[in-house]
Amino acid sequence: MPWDKSVPQRITLYSAVFYFFSVAVLCFTPLKFIGHHVTPLLSGVGTVHLQALQGLDPTFYLNIIMAVPLGIYYGLLIPRANILKIFLVRDISQ
């Protein structure tokens, strides 16, 4: 329960929830950017351009930076997690 945790633990928990929610909104909400104007795309309106990785532009690095807190929060919220067990898809409750 959140109320039986210390203040730093609650701050970590609440910031993790905010982070996960923010990343989910960014990943699953289709948006159109035109200059400084951002509008949501309606279903079926957007287009998809499939291209092989032709170069490393700034958005590639920004996506990597956006994923870094995921590993930090995972380590803080699940301290018994072992990276080998995660990759081997084992039950970490043993």
PDB file of N, CA and C in Angstrom:
ATOM      1  N   MET A   1       0.833  -1.176   0.000  1.00  0.00           N
ATOM      2  CA  MET A   1       0.000   0.000   0.000  1.00  0.00           C
ATOM      3  C   MET A   1       0.885   1.249   0.000  1.00  0.00           C
ATOM      4  N   PRO A   2       0.513   2.289  -0.741  1.00  0.00           N
ATOM      5  CA  PRO A   2       1.354   3.485  -0.819  1.00  0.00           C
ATOM      6  C   PRO A   2       1.487   4.229   0.503  1.00  0.00           C
ATOM      7  N   TRP A   3       0.492   4.163   1.378  1.00  0.00           N
ATOM      8  CA  TRP A   3       0.535   4.972   2.589  1.00  0.00           C
ATOM      9  C   TRP A   3       1.434   4.376   3.670  1.00  0.00           C
ATOM     10  N   ASP A   4       1.846   3.115   3.551  1.00  0.00           N
ATOM     11  CA  ASP A   4       2.745   2.543   4.542  1.00  0.00           C
ATOM     12  C   ASP A   4       4.209   2.608   4.100  1.00  0.00           C
ATOM     13  N   LYS A   5       4.512   3.367   3.082  1.00  0.00           N
ATOM     14  CA  LYS A   5       5.874   3.529   2.582  1.00  0.00           C
ATOM     15  C   LYS A   5       6.426   4.873   3.044  1.00  0.00           C
ATOM     16  N   SER A   6       7.748   4.991   3.016  1.00  0.00           N
ATOM     17  CA  SER A   6       8.379   6.255   3.391  1.00  0.00           C
ATOM     18  C   SER A   6       8.153   7.290   2.295  1.00  0.00           C
ATOM     19  N   VAL A   7       8.465   8.532   2.618  1.00  0.00           N
ATOM     20  CA  VAL A   7       8.252   9.624   1.657  1.00  0.00           C
ATOM     21  C   VAL A   7       9.077   9.423   0.385  1.00  0.00           C
ATOM     22  N   PRO A   8      10.372   9.076   0.467  1.00  0.00           N
ATOM     23  CA  PRO A   8      11.116   8.842  -0.786  1.00  0.00           C
ATOM     24  C   PRO A   8      10.549   7.690  -1.615  1.00  0.00           C
ATOM     25  N   GLN A   9      10.065   6.639  -0.948  1.00  0.00           N
ATOM     26  CA  GLN A   9       9.473   5.528  -1.687  1.00  0.00           C
ATOM     27  C   GLN A   9       8.186   5.961  -2.379  1.00  0.00           C
ATOM     28  N   ARG A  10       7.381   6.776  -1.716  1.00  0.00           N
ATOM     29  CA  ARG A  10       6.152   7.272  -2.346  1.00  0.00           C
ATOM     30  C   ARG A  10       6.461   8.184  -3.516  1.00  0.00           C
ATOM     31  N   ILE A  11       7.473   9.027  -3.363  1.00  0.00           N
ATOM     32  CA  ILE A  11       7.861   9.927  -4.468  1.00  0.00           C
ATOM     33  C   ILE A  11       8.316   9.092  -5.666  1.00  0.00           C
ATOM     34  N   THR A  12       9.110   8.042  -5.411  1.00  0.00           N
ATOM     35  CA  THR A  12       9.562   7.170  -6.492  1.00  0.00           C
ATOM     36  C   THR A  12       8.382   6.485  -7.161  1.00  0.00           C
ATOM     37  N   LEU A  13       7.464   5.969  -6.365  1.00  0.00           N
ATOM     38  CA  LEU A  13       6.299   5.280  -6.911  1.00  0.00           C
ATOM     39  C   LEU A  13       5.430   6.207  -7.745  1.00  0.00           C
ATOM     40  N   TYR A  14       5.131   7.384  -7.219  1.00  0.00           N
ATOM     41  CA  TYR A  14       4.270   8.327  -7.947  1.00  0.00           C
ATOM     42  C   TYR A  14       4.961   8.861  -9.202  1.00  0.00           C
ATOM     43  N   SER A  15       6.270   9.115  -9.128  1.00  0.00           N
ATOM     44  CA  SER A  15       6.961   9.591 -10.332  1.00  0.00           C
ATOM     45  C   SER A  15       7.048   8.492 -11.382  1.00  0.00           C
ATOM     46  N   ALA A  16       7.158   7.218 -10.945  1.00  0.00           N
ATOM     47  CA  ALA A  16       7.161   6.109 -11.903  1.00  0.00           C
ATOM     48  C   ALA A  16       5.816   5.998 -12.598  1.00  0.00           C
ATOM     49  N   VAL A  17       4.732   6.142 -11.852  1.00  0.00           N
ATOM     50  CA  VAL A  17       3.396   6.102 -12.466  1.00  0.00           C
ATOM     51  C   VAL A  17       3.242   7.245 -13.464  1.00  0.00           C
ATOM     52  N   PHE A  18       3.706   8.438 -13.103  1.00  0.00           N
ATOM     53  CA  PHE A  18       3.641   9.584 -14.010  1.00  0.00           C
ATOM     54  C   PHE A  18       4.484   9.329 -15.264  1.00  0.00           C
ATOM     55  N   TYR A  19       5.687   8.763 -15.083  1.00  0.00           N
ATOM     56  CA  TYR A  19       6.554   8.458 -16.223  1.00  0.00           C
ATOM     57  C   TYR A  19       5.891   7.452 -17.163  1.00  0.00           C
ATOM     58  N   PHE A  20       5.374   6.340 -16.609  1.00  0.00           N
ATOM     59  CA  PHE A  20       4.745   5.313 -17.444  1.00  0.00           C
ATOM     60  C   PHE A  20       3.530   5.865 -18.183  1.00  0.00           C
ATOM     61  N   PHE A  21       2.730   6.677 -17.500  1.00  0.00           N
ATOM     62  CA  PHE A  21       1.571   7.281 -18.146  1.00  0.00           C
ATOM     63  C   PHE A  21       2.005   8.221 -19.267  1.00  0.00           C
ATOM     64  N   SER A  22       3.031   9.039 -19.018  1.00  0.00           N
ATOM     65  CA  SER A  22       3.508   9.987 -20.036  1.00  0.00           C
ATOM     66  C   SER A  22       4.059   9.259 -21.266  1.00  0.00           C
ATOM     67  N   VAL A  23       4.827   8.206 -21.053  1.00  0.00           N
ATOM     68  CA  VAL A  23       5.374   7.444 -22.181  1.00  0.00           C
ATOM     69  C   VAL A  23       4.249   6.759 -22.953  1.00  0.00           C
ATOM     70  N   ALA A  24       3.251   6.235 -22.238  1.00  0.00           N
ATOM     71  CA  ALA A  24       2.118   5.592 -22.919  1.00  0.00           C
ATOM     72  C   ALA A  24       1.365   6.599 -23.778  1.00  0.00           C
ATOM     73  N   VAL A  25       1.167   7.793 -23.273  1.00  0.00           N
ATOM     74  CA  VAL A  25       0.480   8.825 -24.065  1.00  0.00           C
ATOM     75  C   VAL A  25       1.308   9.178 -25.292  1.00  0.00           C
ATOM     76  N   LEU A  26       2.615   9.340 -25.119  1.00  0.00           N
ATOM     77  CA  LEU A  26       3.469   9.685 -26.254  1.00  0.00           C
ATOM     78  C   LEU A  26       3.520   8.568 -27.296  1.00  0.00           C
ATOM     79  N   CYS A  27       3.490   7.321 -26.843  1.00  0.00           N
ATOM     80  CA  CYS A  27       3.617   6.198 -27.774  1.00  0.00           C
ATOM     81  C   CYS A  27       2.303   5.806 -28.432  1.00  0.00           C
ATOM     82  N   PHE A  28       1.198   5.939 -27.723  1.00  0.00           N
ATOM     83  CA  PHE A  28      -0.066   5.406 -28.231  1.00  0.00           C
ATOM     84  C   PHE A  28      -1.068   6.459 -28.671  1.00  0.00           C
ATOM     85  N   THR A  29      -0.698   7.732 -28.604  1.00  0.00           N
ATOM     86  CA  THR A  29      -1.567   8.790 -29.083  1.00  0.00           C
ATOM     87  C   THR A  29      -0.959   9.358 -30.361  1.00  0.00           C
ATOM     88  N   PRO A  30      -1.591   9.134 -31.505  1.00  0.00           N
ATOM     89  CA  PRO A  30      -1.028   9.669 -32.751  1.00  0.00           C
ATOM     90  C   PRO A  30      -1.198  11.183 -32.820  1.00  0.00           C
ATOM     91  N   LEU A  31      -0.091  11.870 -33.030  1.00  0.00           N
ATOM     92  CA  LEU A  31      -0.093  13.328 -33.102  1.00  0.00           C
ATOM     93  C   LEU A  31       0.546  13.783 -34.399  1.00  0.00           C
ATOM     94  N   LYS A  32       0.137  14.958 -34.844  1.00  0.00           N
ATOM     95  CA  LYS A  32       0.713  15.569 -36.042  1.00  0.00           C
ATOM     96  C   LYS A  32       1.381  16.863 -35.604  1.00  0.00           C
ATOM     97  N   PHE A  33       2.646  17.021 -35.938  1.00  0.00           N
ATOM     98  CA  PHE A  33       3.408  18.205 -35.569  1.00  0.00           C
ATOM     99  C   PHE A  33       3.650  19.054 -36.804  1.00  0.00           C
ATOM    100  N   ILE A  34       3.171  20.292 -36.777  1.00  0.00           N
ATOM    101  CA  ILE A  34       3.428  21.257 -37.849  1.00  0.00           C
ATOM    102  C   ILE A  34       3.956  22.509 -37.172  1.00  0.00           C
ATOM    103  N   GLY A  35       5.268  22.670 -37.219  1.00  0.00           N
ATOM    104  CA  GLY A  35       5.876  23.788 -36.506  1.00  0.00           C
ATOM    105  C   GLY A  35       5.675  23.613 -35.009  1.00  0.00           C
ATOM    106  N   HIS A  36       5.042  24.613 -34.380  1.00  0.00           N
ATOM    107  CA  HIS A  36       4.749  24.536 -32.949  1.00  0.00           C
ATOM    108  C   HIS A  36       3.319  24.101 -32.690  1.00  0.00           C
ATOM    109  N   HIS A  37       2.598  23.781 -33.724  1.00  0.00           N
ATOM    110  CA  HIS A  37       1.191  23.384 -33.597  1.00  0.00           C
ATOM    111  C   HIS A  37       1.092  21.856 -33.576  1.00  0.00           C
ATOM    112  N   VAL A  38       0.451  21.323 -32.531  1.00  0.00           N
ATOM    113  CA  VAL A  38       0.295  19.882 -32.375  1.00  0.00           C
ATOM    114  C   VAL A  38      -1.192  19.556 -32.380  1.00  0.00           C
ATOM    115  N   THR A  39      -1.594  18.630 -33.259  1.00  0.00           N
ATOM    116  CA  THR A  39      -2.996  18.221 -33.312  1.00  0.00           C
ATOM    117  C   THR A  39      -3.077  16.693 -33.307  1.00  0.00           C
ATOM    118  N   PRO A  40      -4.109  16.152 -32.673  1.00  0.00           N
ATOM    119  CA  PRO A  40      -4.259  14.686 -32.707  1.00  0.00           C
ATOM    120  C   PRO A  40      -4.750  14.231 -34.069  1.00  0.00           C
ATOM    121  N   LEU A  41      -4.304  13.055 -34.480  1.00  0.00           N
ATOM    122  CA  LEU A  41      -4.751  12.472 -35.737  1.00  0.00           C
ATOM    123  C   LEU A  41      -5.981  11.614 -35.490  1.00  0.00           C
ATOM    124  N   LEU A  42      -6.918  11.685 -36.390  1.00  0.00           N
ATOM    125  CA  LEU A  42      -8.087  10.835 -36.292  1.00  0.00           C
ATOM    126  C   LEU A  42      -7.757   9.448 -36.809  1.00  0.00           C
ATOM    127  N   SER A  43      -8.526   8.479 -36.427  1.00  0.00           N
ATOM    128  CA  SER A  43      -8.283   7.102 -36.829  1.00  0.00           C
ATOM    129  C   SER A  43      -8.361   6.967 -38.349  1.00  0.00           C
ATOM    130  N   GLY A  44      -7.341   6.363 -38.949  1.00  0.00           N
ATOM    131  CA  GLY A  44      -7.331   6.129 -40.383  1.00  0.00           C
ATOM    132  C   GLY A  44      -6.831   7.288 -41.208  1.00  0.00           C
ATOM    133  N   VAL A  45      -6.424   8.396 -40.581  1.00  0.00           N
ATOM    134  CA  VAL A  45      -5.994   9.579 -41.331  1.00  0.00           C
ATOM    135  C   VAL A  45      -4.491   9.590 -41.570  1.00  0.00           C
ATOM    136  N   GLY A  46      -3.717   9.072 -40.625  1.00  0.00           N
ATOM    137  CA  GLY A  46      -2.268   9.136 -40.723  1.00  0.00           C
ATOM    138  C   GLY A  46      -1.712   8.159 -41.743  1.00  0.00           C
ATOM    139  N   THR A  47      -0.490   8.406 -42.142  1.00  0.00           N
ATOM    140  CA  THR A  47       0.195   7.514 -43.074  1.00  0.00           C
ATOM    141  C   THR A  47       1.422   6.934 -42.387  1.00  0.00           C
ATOM    142  N   VAL A  48       1.842   5.792 -42.867  1.00  0.00           N
ATOM    143  CA  VAL A  48       3.027   5.129 -42.323  1.00  0.00           C
ATOM    144  C   VAL A  48       4.057   5.020 -43.431  1.00  0.00           C
ATOM    145  N   HIS A  49       5.264   5.453 -43.146  1.00  0.00           N
ATOM    146  CA  HIS A  49       6.362   5.370 -44.105  1.00  0.00           C
ATOM    147  C   HIS A  49       7.385   4.389 -43.545  1.00  0.00           C
ATOM    148  N   LEU A  50       7.449   3.208 -44.129  1.00  0.00           N
ATOM    149  CA  LEU A  50       8.397   2.208 -43.669  1.00  0.00           C
ATOM    150  C   LEU A  50       9.717   2.398 -44.388  1.00  0.00           C
ATOM    151  N   GLN A  51      10.764   2.656 -43.620  1.00  0.00           N
ATOM    152  CA  GLN A  51      12.089   2.844 -44.178  1.00  0.00           C
ATOM    153  C   GLN A  51      13.086   2.099 -43.314  1.00  0.00           C
ATOM    154  N   ALA A  52      14.122   1.611 -43.933  1.00  0.00           N
ATOM    155  CA  ALA A  52      15.212   1.014 -43.175  1.00  0.00           C
ATOM    156  C   ALA A  52      15.952   2.131 -42.443  1.00  0.00           C
ATOM    157  N   LEU A  53      16.661   1.764 -41.383  1.00  0.00           N
ATOM    158  CA  LEU A  53      17.423   2.751 -40.629  1.00  0.00           C
ATOM    159  C   LEU A  53      18.526   3.301 -41.525  1.00  0.00           C
ATOM    160  N   GLN A  54      18.345   4.544 -41.955  1.00  0.00           N
ATOM    161  CA  GLN A  54      19.285   5.141 -42.904  1.00  0.00           C
ATOM    162  C   GLN A  54      20.315   6.022 -42.216  1.00  0.00           C
ATOM    163  N   GLY A  55      20.046   6.417 -41.038  1.00  0.00           N
ATOM    164  CA  GLY A  55      20.977   7.258 -40.315  1.00  0.00           C
ATOM    165  C   GLY A  55      20.480   7.462 -38.899  1.00  0.00           C
ATOM    166  N   LEU A  56      21.336   7.942 -38.077  1.00  0.00           N
ATOM    167  CA  LEU A  56      20.962   8.178 -36.691  1.00  0.00           C
ATOM    168  C   LEU A  56      20.683   9.670 -36.520  1.00  0.00           C
ATOM    169  N   ASP A  57      19.411  10.009 -36.575  1.00  0.00           N
ATOM    170  CA  ASP A  57      19.016  11.397 -36.399  1.00  0.00           C
ATOM    171  C   ASP A  57      18.764  11.659 -34.908  1.00  0.00           C
ATOM    172  N   PRO A  58      18.529  12.902 -34.525  1.00  0.00           N
ATOM    173  CA  PRO A  58      18.326  13.226 -33.101  1.00  0.00           C
ATOM    174  C   PRO A  58      17.153  12.491 -32.456  1.00  0.00           C
ATOM    175  N   THR A  59      16.118  12.156 -33.211  1.00  0.00           N
ATOM    176  CA  THR A  59      14.986  11.465 -32.599  1.00  0.00           C
ATOM    177  C   THR A  59      15.369  10.064 -32.119  1.00  0.00           C
ATOM    178  N   PHE A  60      16.327   9.436 -32.778  1.00  0.00           N
ATOM    179  CA  PHE A  60      16.803   8.125 -32.327  1.00  0.00           C
ATOM    180  C   PHE A  60      17.393   8.244 -30.928  1.00  0.00           C
ATOM    181  N   TYR A  61      18.235   9.246 -30.716  1.00  0.00           N
ATOM    182  CA  TYR A  61      18.865   9.427 -29.414  1.00  0.00           C
ATOM    183  C   TYR A  61      17.849   9.868 -28.362  1.00  0.00           C
ATOM    184  N   LEU A  62      16.877  10.663 -28.755  1.00  0.00           N
ATOM    185  CA  LEU A  62      15.845  11.078 -27.812  1.00  0.00           C
ATOM    186  C   LEU A  62      15.000   9.894 -27.353  1.00  0.00           C
ATOM    187  N   ASN A  63      14.735   8.941 -28.242  1.00  0.00           N
ATOM    188  CA  ASN A  63      14.005   7.739 -27.855  1.00  0.00           C
ATOM    189  C   ASN A  63      14.817   6.893 -26.876  1.00  0.00           C
ATOM    190  N   ILE A  64      16.114   6.820 -27.070  1.00  0.00           N
ATOM    191  CA  ILE A  64      16.972   6.088 -26.138  1.00  0.00           C
ATOM    192  C   ILE A  64      16.955   6.776 -24.774  1.00  0.00           C
ATOM    193  N   ILE A  65      17.078   8.094 -24.763  1.00  0.00           N
ATOM    194  CA  ILE A  65      17.063   8.843 -23.504  1.00  0.00           C
ATOM    195  C   ILE A  65      15.724   8.686 -22.803  1.00  0.00           C
ATOM    196  N   MET A  66      14.637   8.640 -23.563  1.00  0.00           N
ATOM    197  CA  MET A  66      13.317   8.479 -22.975  1.00  0.00           C
ATOM    198  C   MET A  66      13.163   7.117 -22.303  1.00  0.00           C
ATOM    199  N   ALA A  67      13.884   6.104 -22.771  1.00  0.00           N
ATOM    200  CA  ALA A  67      13.764   4.763 -22.213  1.00  0.00           C
ATOM    201  C   ALA A  67      14.674   4.524 -21.011  1.00  0.00           C
ATOM    202  N   VAL A  68      15.634   5.383 -20.757  1.00  0.00           N
ATOM    203  CA  VAL A  68      16.561   5.190 -19.638  1.00  0.00           C
ATOM    204  C   VAL A  68      15.841   5.141 -18.291  1.00  0.00           C
ATOM    205  N   PRO A  69      14.892   6.045 -17.996  1.00  0.00           N
ATOM    206  CA  PRO A  69      14.214   5.958 -16.694  1.00  0.00           C
ATOM    207  C   PRO A  69      13.468   4.649 -16.484  1.00  0.00           C
ATOM    208  N   LEU A  70      13.067   3.980 -17.551  1.00  0.00           N
ATOM    209  CA  LEU A  70      12.387   2.698 -17.411  1.00  0.00           C
ATOM    210  C   LEU A  70      13.272   1.698 -16.673  1.00  0.00           C
ATOM    211  N   GLY A  71      14.519   1.598 -17.048  1.00  0.00           N
ATOM    212  CA  GLY A  71      15.442   0.698 -16.363  1.00  0.00           C
ATOM    213  C   GLY A  71      15.729   1.120 -14.942  1.00  0.00           C
ATOM    214  N   ILE A  72      15.823   2.419 -14.712  1.00  0.00           N
ATOM    215  CA  ILE A  72      16.070   2.915 -13.360  1.00  0.00           C
ATOM    216  C   ILE A  72      14.880   2.615 -12.457  1.00  0.00           C
ATOM    217  N   TYR A  73      13.685   2.922 -12.929  1.00  0.00           N
ATOM    218  CA  TYR A  73      12.490   2.639 -12.121  1.00  0.00           C
ATOM    219  C   TYR A  73      12.316   1.144 -11.902  1.00  0.00           C
ATOM    220  N   TYR A  74      12.629   0.348 -12.897  1.00  0.00           N
ATOM    221  CA  TYR A  74      12.498  -1.100 -12.740  1.00  0.00           C
ATOM    222  C   TYR A  74      13.417  -1.601 -11.628  1.00  0.00           C
ATOM    223  N   GLY A  75      14.639  -1.116 -11.613  1.00  0.00           N
ATOM    224  CA  GLY A  75      15.579  -1.512 -10.568  1.00  0.00           C
ATOM    225  C   GLY A  75      15.174  -1.018  -9.191  1.00  0.00           C
ATOM    226  N   LEU A  76      14.569   0.169  -9.120  1.00  0.00           N
ATOM    227  CA  LEU A  76      14.146   0.708  -7.829  1.00  0.00           C
ATOM    228  C   LEU A  76      12.874   0.045  -7.313  1.00  0.00           C
ATOM    229  N   LEU A  77      11.940  -0.248  -8.198  1.00  0.00           N
ATOM    230  CA  LEU A  77      10.655  -0.788  -7.767  1.00  0.00           C
ATOM    231  C   LEU A  77      10.678  -2.302  -7.595  1.00  0.00           C
ATOM    232  N   ILE A  78      11.565  -3.004  -8.288  1.00  0.00           N
ATOM    233  CA  ILE A  78      11.661  -4.456  -8.185  1.00  0.00           C
ATOM    234  C   ILE A  78      13.123  -4.791  -7.867  1.00  0.00           C
ATOM    235  N   PRO A  79      13.534  -4.628  -6.605  1.00  0.00           N
ATOM    236  CA  PRO A  79      14.957  -4.797  -6.280  1.00  0.00           C
ATOM    237  C   PRO A  79      15.460  -6.233  -6.401  1.00  0.00           C
ATOM    238  N   ARG A  80      14.575  -7.233  -6.349  1.00  0.00           N
ATOM    239  CA  ARG A  80      15.005  -8.628  -6.457  1.00  0.00           C
ATOM    240  C   ARG A  80      15.162  -9.078  -7.900  1.00  0.00           C
ATOM    241  N   ALA A  81      14.866  -8.220  -8.845  1.00  0.00           N
ATOM    242  CA  ALA A  81      14.940  -8.611 -10.251  1.00  0.00           C
ATOM    243  C   ALA A  81      16.394  -8.831 -10.664  1.00  0.00           C
ATOM    244  N   ASN A  82      16.631  -9.904 -11.335  1.00  0.00           N
ATOM    245  CA  ASN A  82      17.945 -10.239 -11.840  1.00  0.00           C
ATOM    246  C   ASN A  82      17.865 -10.131 -13.366  1.00  0.00           C
ATOM    247  N   ILE A  83      18.782  -9.400 -13.984  1.00  0.00           N
ATOM    248  CA  ILE A  83      18.710  -9.158 -15.423  1.00  0.00           C
ATOM    249  C   ILE A  83      18.801 -10.468 -16.207  1.00  0.00           C
ATOM    250  N   LEU A  84      19.546 -11.440 -15.716  1.00  0.00           N
ATOM    251  CA  LEU A  84      19.624 -12.731 -16.400  1.00  0.00           C
ATOM    252  C   LEU A  84      18.274 -13.439 -16.366  1.00  0.00           C
ATOM    253  N   LYS A  85      17.590 -13.385 -15.226  1.00  0.00           N
ATOM    254  CA  LYS A  85      16.276 -14.013 -15.126  1.00  0.00           C
ATOM    255  C   LYS A  85      15.262 -13.306 -16.025  1.00  0.00           C
ATOM    256  N   ILE A  86      15.403 -12.021 -16.167  1.00  0.00           N
ATOM    257  CA  ILE A  86      14.484 -11.267 -17.028  1.00  0.00           C
ATOM    258  C   ILE A  86      14.639 -11.722 -18.476  1.00  0.00           C
ATOM    259  N   PHE A  87      15.883 -11.845 -18.933  1.00  0.00           N
ATOM    260  CA  PHE A  87      16.111 -12.242 -20.321  1.00  0.00           C
ATOM    261  C   PHE A  87      15.807 -13.710 -20.561  1.00  0.00           C
ATOM    262  N   LEU A  88      15.900 -14.529 -19.542  1.00  0.00           N
ATOM    263  CA  LEU A  88      15.573 -15.936 -19.701  1.00  0.00           C
ATOM    264  C   LEU A  88      14.091 -16.218 -19.487  1.00  0.00           C
ATOM    265  N   VAL A  89      13.314 -15.214 -19.203  1.00  0.00           N
ATOM    266  CA  VAL A  89      11.879 -15.289 -18.991  1.00  0.00           C
ATOM    267  C   VAL A  89      11.566 -16.327 -17.913  1.00  0.00           C
ATOM    268  N   ARG A  90      12.169 -16.108 -16.790  1.00  0.00           N
ATOM    269  CA  ARG A  90      11.945 -16.986 -15.650  1.00  0.00           C
ATOM    270  C   ARG A  90      11.072 -16.263 -14.628  1.00  0.00           C
ATOM    271  N   ASP A  91      10.552 -17.026 -13.710  1.00  0.00           N
ATOM    272  CA  ASP A  91       9.762 -16.470 -12.635  1.00  0.00           C
ATOM    273  C   ASP A  91      10.710 -15.869 -11.597  1.00  0.00           C
ATOM    274  N   ILE A  92      10.626 -14.552 -11.361  1.00  0.00           N
ATOM    275  CA  ILE A  92      11.543 -13.882 -10.434  1.00  0.00           C
ATOM    276  C   ILE A  92      11.068 -13.990  -8.989  1.00  0.00           C
ATOM    277  N   SER A  93       9.944 -14.641  -8.729  1.00  0.00           N
ATOM    278  CA  SER A  93       9.444 -14.743  -7.361  1.00  0.00           C
ATOM    279  C   SER A  93      10.084 -15.895  -6.600  1.00  0.00           C
ATOM    280  N   GLN A  94      10.965 -16.663  -7.218  1.00  0.00           N
ATOM    281  CA  GLN A  94      11.609 -17.800  -6.546  1.00  0.00           C
ATOM    282  C   GLN A  94      12.684 -17.345  -5.611  1.00  0.00           C
TER     283      GLN A  94
END
